[in-house]
Amino acid sequence: MEYEEFIDTLKQYADLGTEEAERAARATLETLGERLSTSEGRGVLQRLPARAKPWIQPERDPEPFDVDEFLRRVAEREEVDVEVAARHAREVFWVLGEVVEPEAVADMAACLPEDFDSLIVEAQRRGIQLMPAEEFLARVANRAGLDAAGAHRATEAVLETLAERVAGGQAENLIRELAVPLHEPLKRGTVEGIRSAARTSLDDFLGRVAERQGVSREEGRRHAQAVFTTLREAITEKGFLDVMLGLPEEYRALLTAP
C-alpha cells in the first residue's frame, strides 16, 4: 500500500482530514516504535509505506509501558485529549490490519501485554466497541439522578472499591474492556486491593463507596446500582459474568434498577 492510499484509508475509515489523519498515524506509530524492539517491529515495518517507516523505527531499547501510557504519549504527540487519542489509535491499528499480514500482527501482539488487546483486536478484525467514557458517565448520571461531576465521583468510588475486592486478573480484564478515562480508579483499587471478596459483605462494600464520596449509605447504594447496571451494558457478557462470579451472591442486588 502506498503512503497516499494508507492515509486515504485512514481518512475514510475514521472520517478525518488529511492533516489530522497524518498526525494520528504518525503519533501512533512513533509511540509503537518506542514500545517495540527492532526485531519485534520488523514485520510491521516491512509492509508500511516508505514514508511511514521512519515513524516506527525503534532508536533505543523498548520501553515496557502499559496501554494507558501508550495512549498518553499518542495524545501528547497529537495534542488531543486521551479519549480522542484512544479512538485514533484504534483506527490506525485497524488500518495496520489492512497492510500487515496476520502472522506479523500476531507476532506484534505476542510482544505486547494483554492490556493492548483493545488495539490489537482492531488489527485482527475482532473489533471490540468500547463504550465512550462520556456515555458511561451519562448513563450513571441519568440512573442515579446526578450531575456530571457527581456521576464522575460515584463511578470512581464504585470502580475503585470493586477493584479492591475482586482478584487482580478480574480488575485487569475490566481495564481492557473499559474506556481509558475509567482505568485510573481500577488501577488504584488493584494496588490497594483487599483481595477478600468472599469475606467482604455487600454492606461493607456500600459503606466504603459512600465513605469515598462523602455521602449517606443510602446514596452510596443508589450510586453503586447505577454503576453496576451501566457496567453490565458497557462490557462483554463474559467479562461481566467473571466480575460477578468473584463476588458474593448478595452483590446481585446491585443489578436492581436504582
Foldseek 3Di string as FASTA:
>chain_A
DAPVVLLVQLCVVVVDDSVLSVLLLLLLQLLQLQADDQVLCVQLLVQDHPVNNVSNPNPDDHDQDAVLVSLVSSCVSSVHDSLVSVVSLLSSLLSSLVGGDPVSLVSNVVSHDPLCVQNSCSSVVPHQDFDRPVVLLVQLCVQLVHDSVVSVLLLLLLLLLLLQQFDVVLLSLLSSQHGSVSNVSNVNSVVNHPPHQVPQDPQNSLVSSCVSVVHDSVSSLSSLLSNLCSSCVRGDVVSNVNSVVRHDPVCCVSVPRD
